[in-house]
Protein backbone atom coordinates (compact mmCIF):
# COMPACT_ATOMS: atom_id res chain seq x y z
CA UNK A 1 -18.94 34.54 31.24
CA UNK A 2 -17.68 32.84 34.40
CA UNK A 3 -14.12 33.48 35.57
CA UNK A 4 -12.71 30.03 34.85
CA UNK A 5 -14.27 29.97 31.39
CA UNK A 6 -12.73 33.33 30.54
CA UNK A 7 -9.33 32.15 31.79
CA UNK A 8 -9.57 28.96 29.72
CA UNK A 9 -10.57 30.91 26.61
CA UNK A 10 -7.71 33.41 26.95
CA UNK A 11 -5.20 30.62 27.65
CA UNK A 12 -6.34 28.59 24.64
CA UNK A 13 -6.16 31.70 22.44
CA UNK A 14 -2.57 32.40 23.48
CA UNK A 15 -1.61 28.76 22.87
CA UNK A 16 -3.12 28.86 19.39
CA UNK A 17 -1.31 32.10 18.57
CA UNK A 18 1.99 30.64 19.78
CA UNK A 19 1.41 27.48 17.73
CA UNK A 20 0.62 29.58 14.65
CA UNK A 21 3.85 31.58 15.02
CA UNK A 22 5.81 28.34 15.49
CA UNK A 23 4.33 26.89 12.29
CA UNK A 24 5.23 30.07 10.37
CA UNK A 25 8.82 29.79 11.58
CA UNK A 26 9.25 26.05 10.91
CA UNK A 27 7.53 25.59 7.53
CA UNK A 28 7.12 27.61 4.38
CA UNK A 29 4.27 30.08 3.97
CA UNK A 30 2.38 27.85 1.51
CA UNK A 31 2.14 25.03 4.04
CA UNK A 32 1.26 27.48 6.80
CA UNK A 33 -1.51 28.91 4.59
CA UNK A 34 -3.03 25.47 4.05
CA UNK A 35 -2.80 24.63 7.73
CA UNK A 36 -4.43 27.95 8.70
CA UNK A 37 -7.30 27.24 6.29
CA UNK A 38 -7.90 23.85 7.89
CA UNK A 39 -7.76 25.25 11.41
CA UNK A 40 -10.18 28.04 10.46
CA UNK A 41 -12.61 25.58 8.91
CA UNK A 42 -12.48 23.35 12.00
CA UNK A 43 -13.09 26.36 14.26
CA UNK A 44 -16.07 27.39 12.13
CA UNK A 45 -17.60 23.91 12.28
CA UNK A 46 -17.02 23.76 16.05
CA UNK A 47 -18.72 27.15 16.50
CA UNK A 48 -21.66 26.09 14.37
CA UNK A 49 -22.05 22.85 16.33
CA UNK A 50 -21.90 24.77 19.62
CA UNK A 51 -24.62 27.17 18.47
CA UNK A 52 -26.86 24.40 17.14
CA UNK A 53 -26.53 22.28 20.28
CA UNK A 54 -27.75 25.04 22.57
CA UNK A 55 -24.81 27.36 22.98
CA UNK A 56 -24.72 29.59 26.00
CA UNK A 57 -27.81 29.34 28.19
CA UNK A 58 -28.78 32.50 30.04
CA UNK A 59 -30.62 32.33 33.31
CA UNK A 60 -34.21 33.52 33.06
CA UNK A 61 -34.86 37.00 34.41
CA UNK A 62 -38.04 37.65 36.36
CA UNK A 63 -38.72 41.35 36.82
CA UNK A 64 -41.49 43.35 38.48
CA UNK A 65 -41.44 47.14 38.51
CA UNK A 66 -43.79 50.06 39.08
CA UNK A 67 -46.69 47.91 40.23
CA UNK A 68 -49.90 49.21 41.75
CA UNK A 69 -51.51 48.86 45.16
CA UNK A 70 -52.96 45.56 46.39
CA UNK A 71 -55.17 45.03 49.44
CA UNK A 72 -55.97 41.72 51.15
CA UNK A 73 -58.87 41.29 53.55
CA UNK A 74 -60.42 38.42 55.46
CA UNK A 75 -57.48 36.01 55.25
CA UNK A 76 -56.79 36.88 51.61
CA UNK A 77 -53.42 37.48 49.99
CA UNK A 78 -52.05 40.60 48.28
CA UNK A 79 -48.91 40.76 46.17
CA UNK A 80 -47.43 43.63 44.17
CA UNK A 81 -44.12 41.94 43.38
CA UNK A 82 -43.15 38.40 42.45
CA UNK A 83 -44.50 35.25 44.05
CA UNK A 84 -44.28 31.59 43.20
CA UNK A 85 -42.60 28.29 44.02
CA UNK A 86 -38.86 28.58 44.51
CA UNK A 87 -38.20 25.69 42.13
CA UNK A 88 -39.99 27.41 39.25
CA UNK A 89 -38.52 30.89 39.70
CA UNK A 90 -34.82 30.08 39.52
CA UNK A 91 -32.43 32.56 38.00
CA UNK A 92 -32.20 36.29 38.51
CA UNK A 93 -35.21 37.98 40.09
CA UNK A 94 -35.69 41.69 40.59
CA UNK A 95 -38.51 43.71 42.15
CA UNK A 96 -38.25 47.48 42.22
CA UNK A 97 -40.62 50.35 42.88
CA UNK A 98 -43.38 47.93 43.75
CA UNK A 99 -46.67 49.28 44.99
CA UNK A 100 -48.16 49.17 48.45
CA UNK A 101 -49.55 45.89 49.73
CA UNK A 102 -52.00 46.16 52.62
CA UNK A 103 -53.48 43.28 54.60
CA UNK A 104 -56.07 43.14 57.39
CA UNK A 105 -58.37 40.56 58.89
CA UNK A 106 -55.72 37.83 58.89
CA UNK A 107 -54.55 38.41 55.31
CA UNK A 108 -50.96 38.46 54.05
CA UNK A 109 -49.27 41.09 51.90
CA UNK A 110 -46.04 41.14 49.90
CA UNK A 111 -44.42 43.97 47.95
CA UNK A 112 -41.17 42.27 46.89
CA UNK A 113 -40.24 38.66 46.13
CA UNK A 114 -42.01 35.84 47.93
CA UNK A 115 -40.86 32.28 47.21
CA UNK A 116 -42.85 29.39 48.55
């Protein structure tokens, strides 16, 4: 969760708790009980709507690990990690313990992340 979202959530929670205490002090417990039921139902419906409309979207994770050896010859290409267009591979990318990439004869080799 991003910093400003966490701050907004904590602030709203404290405001709701303060409002609940204020209602308990100003009205009788029967009225406070009814009001708490309505607030709880509204919060439940809001949470359900949030979940059904997409909720929190996580960035895609692209991961390459423990790959083998690749060799490129005669202007070929070798890749033991992650390669692709930068616009298609957005989000978190991680390449670890990738294999050896060897190129000769004008070829290209990559053992990590190569965005085009």
